C-alpha cells in the first residue's frame, strides 16, 4: 500500500482524536480544545494516510513553545535548541506496516533541512512500553534522563538522538 504524508488540517481532527483515544494507555488524553492548542504550537504536525484515510499522526515541538508537558519542560530546562516528539500515533488497523518509521524519517529529513540536530522524546518504562523502546533504539535514541509523571503513576525514559 502506498502512503502519503501531509500537513494535518482541522478537517483531520476527528480522526486524530479517535486515533489518540485508541492509544491513551500510552499517551495523555486529548480533547478537541487541547488538540487545537497543540496543533497551533507544533513545529511538525503531519498525518500519514493510506488510500486517503488518516492512519496516524505525529506532533513535535521546538524549543520556546507554549507547552506545559512535564517531559517537554524537562528538555526545555536542559537544552537551548531541540525538537521534542510529543506523540506519534498509528491506528491499530495499520500497525506493523512501517508507518511510524515513515513519519520519523520524514521528521528527521525536515529537521536536518532546518539545521535541527537534537531530537528528543520519551516513552513509558513503568508500566513498560517495550515496543516503543525497541522502535526508538532502532533510530539511535539514547536515554538522557528519567522522571515520574502522571502523579507518580508512570515513569518515563527521556531520550535523545543527535542528527
Protein backbone atom coordinates (compact mmCIF):
# COMPACT_ATOMS: atom_id res chain seq x y z
CA UNK A 1 0.00 0.00 0.00
CA UNK A 2 1.14 3.50 -0.79
CA UNK A 3 1.24 6.02 1.97
CA UNK A 4 1.04 9.80 1.79
CA UNK A 5 2.45 12.10 4.48
CA UNK A 6 0.97 15.60 4.58
CA UNK A 7 0.36 18.51 6.91
CA UNK A 8 -2.58 17.89 9.20
CA UNK A 9 -5.60 20.16 8.96
CA UNK A 10 -8.61 20.93 11.11
CA UNK A 11 -10.61 18.54 8.95
CA UNK A 12 -8.37 15.73 10.31
CA UNK A 13 -9.06 16.48 13.99
CA UNK A 14 -11.88 13.95 14.39
CA UNK A 15 -9.60 11.18 13.10
CA UNK A 16 -6.69 12.37 15.28
CA UNK A 17 -8.85 12.35 18.42
CA UNK A 18 -10.10 8.85 17.59
CA UNK A 19 -6.56 7.57 16.99
CA UNK A 20 -5.27 9.19 20.19
CA UNK A 21 -8.12 7.67 22.24
CA UNK A 22 -7.18 4.23 20.88
CA UNK A 23 -3.67 4.61 22.38
CA UNK A 24 -4.44 6.54 25.57
CA UNK A 25 -2.85 3.87 27.76
CA UNK A 26 0.50 5.19 26.42
CA UNK A 27 -0.44 8.82 25.73
CA UNK A 28 -2.03 11.70 27.55
CA UNK A 29 -5.73 12.19 26.76
CA UNK A 30 -6.60 14.69 24.06
CA UNK A 31 -9.72 16.83 23.88
CA UNK A 32 -10.64 18.93 20.85
CA UNK A 33 -9.62 22.23 22.53
CA UNK A 34 -6.30 20.66 23.63
CA UNK A 35 -5.66 19.33 20.12
CA UNK A 36 -6.42 22.75 18.60
CA UNK A 37 -3.96 24.37 21.04
CA UNK A 38 -1.21 21.77 20.41
CA UNK A 39 -1.73 21.96 16.66
CA UNK A 40 -1.10 25.73 16.74
CA UNK A 41 2.07 25.28 18.84
CA UNK A 42 3.56 22.32 16.95
CA UNK A 43 6.51 22.76 14.60
CA UNK A 44 5.75 19.40 12.97
CA UNK A 45 2.12 18.32 12.63
CA UNK A 46 1.73 15.75 9.93
CA UNK A 47 -0.52 12.80 9.21
CA UNK A 48 0.13 9.60 7.32
CA UNK A 49 -2.66 8.32 5.08
CA UNK A 50 -3.34 5.06 3.30
CA UNK A 51 -5.82 5.24 0.44
CA UNK A 52 -6.87 8.70 1.61
CA UNK A 53 -7.63 7.62 5.20
CA UNK A 54 -5.65 9.10 8.10
CA UNK A 55 -3.95 6.16 9.81
CA UNK A 56 -1.53 8.03 12.06
CA UNK A 57 -0.01 11.34 13.08
CA UNK A 58 2.99 12.92 14.72
CA UNK A 59 3.23 16.15 16.71
CA UNK A 60 6.61 17.68 17.57
CA UNK A 61 7.58 20.99 19.19
CA UNK A 62 10.61 23.26 19.00
CA UNK A 63 12.12 24.97 21.99
CA UNK A 64 10.16 28.05 23.07
CA UNK A 65 6.72 26.50 22.54
CA UNK A 66 3.95 27.39 24.98
CA UNK A 67 3.60 23.82 26.17
CA UNK A 68 3.05 22.61 29.72
CA UNK A 69 4.06 18.96 29.27
CA UNK A 70 6.41 17.95 32.11
CA UNK A 71 8.51 15.98 29.63
CA UNK A 72 8.79 18.90 27.19
CA UNK A 73 9.71 21.16 30.11
CA UNK A 74 12.40 18.70 31.25
CA UNK A 75 14.13 19.12 27.89
CA UNK A 76 13.50 22.88 27.79
CA UNK A 77 15.28 23.24 31.13
CA UNK A 78 18.38 21.48 29.76
CA UNK A 79 18.70 22.30 26.07
CA UNK A 80 18.84 25.63 24.28
CA UNK A 81 17.74 24.05 20.98
CA UNK A 82 15.82 20.83 20.46
CA UNK A 83 12.87 19.24 18.72
CA UNK A 84 10.55 17.32 21.04
CA UNK A 85 8.38 14.50 19.69
CA UNK A 86 5.25 14.77 21.79
CA UNK A 87 3.27 11.92 20.30
CA UNK A 88 3.27 9.55 17.40
CA UNK A 89 0.12 7.53 16.94
CA UNK A 90 -0.62 4.77 14.44
CA UNK A 91 -4.10 3.26 14.41
CA UNK A 92 -4.34 -0.37 15.46
CA UNK A 93 -5.56 -1.39 11.98
CA UNK A 94 -2.34 -0.05 10.41
CA UNK A 95 0.32 -1.10 12.93
CA UNK A 96 3.20 -3.22 11.75
CA UNK A 97 3.28 -1.66 8.27
CA UNK A 98 6.20 0.71 8.89
CA UNK A 99 4.07 3.86 9.02
CA UNK A 100 5.67 5.14 12.24
CA UNK A 101 9.12 4.70 10.68
CA UNK A 102 7.98 6.68 7.61
CA UNK A 103 6.81 9.53 9.86
CA UNK A 104 10.12 9.51 11.77
CA UNK A 105 12.11 9.53 8.52
CA UNK A 106 10.04 12.47 7.29
CA UNK A 107 10.54 14.30 10.60
CA UNK A 108 14.30 13.70 10.54
CA UNK A 109 14.55 14.91 6.92
CA UNK A 110 12.66 18.11 7.77
CA UNK A 111 14.71 18.63 10.93
CA UNK A 112 18.02 18.26 9.05
CA UNK A 113 16.83 20.71 6.39
CA UNK A 114 16.27 23.29 9.15
CA UNK A 115 19.59 22.64 10.89
CA UNK A 116 18.00 20.89 13.87
CA UNK A 117 20.48 18.43 15.34
CA UNK A 118 18.84 17.22 18.59
CA UNK A 119 15.55 15.30 18.57
CA UNK A 120 14.05 14.33 21.91
CA UNK A 121 11.18 12.18 23.13
CA UNK A 122 10.15 9.91 25.97
CA UNK A 123 8.49 6.55 26.40
CA UNK A 124 6.98 4.75 29.36
CA UNK A 125 9.19 2.42 31.38
CA UNK A 126 6.72 1.92 34.25
CA UNK A 127 4.44 0.49 33.05
CA UNK A 128 6.79 -0.55 30.25
CA UNK A 129 6.20 0.20 26.57
CA UNK A 130 8.62 -2.32 25.14
CA UNK A 131 7.54 -1.74 21.51
CA UNK A 132 8.35 1.98 21.83
CA UNK A 133 11.70 1.23 23.47
CA UNK A 134 12.71 -1.07 20.58
CA UNK A 135 11.41 1.38 17.97
CA UNK A 136 13.41 4.30 19.37
CA UNK A 137 16.51 2.17 19.82
CA UNK A 138 16.42 1.39 16.07
CA UNK A 139 16.58 5.13 15.36
CA UNK A 140 19.58 5.63 17.65
CA UNK A 141 17.85 7.28 20.60
CA UNK A 142 19.60 7.01 23.97
CA UNK A 143 18.47 7.77 27.49
CA UNK A 144 19.49 11.15 28.91
CA UNK A 145 17.22 11.11 31.99
CA UNK A 146 14.07 9.75 33.56
CA UNK A 147 11.23 11.04 35.69
CA UNK A 148 7.91 10.07 37.21
CA UNK A 149 4.81 11.69 35.69
CA UNK A 150 1.00 11.45 35.88
CA UNK A 151 1.01 12.00 39.63
CA UNK A 152 3.67 9.32 40.08
CA UNK A 153 1.65 6.65 38.24
CA UNK A 154 4.13 6.43 35.35
CA UNK A 155 7.88 6.58 34.86
CA UNK A 156 9.36 7.69 31.55
CA UNK A 157 12.74 7.36 29.92
CA UNK A 158 13.77 10.73 28.43
CA UNK A 159 15.58 10.13 25.16
CA UNK A 160 17.56 11.99 22.52
CA UNK A 161 19.20 11.33 19.20
CA UNK A 162 21.72 13.66 17.57
CA UNK A 163 21.46 14.02 13.81
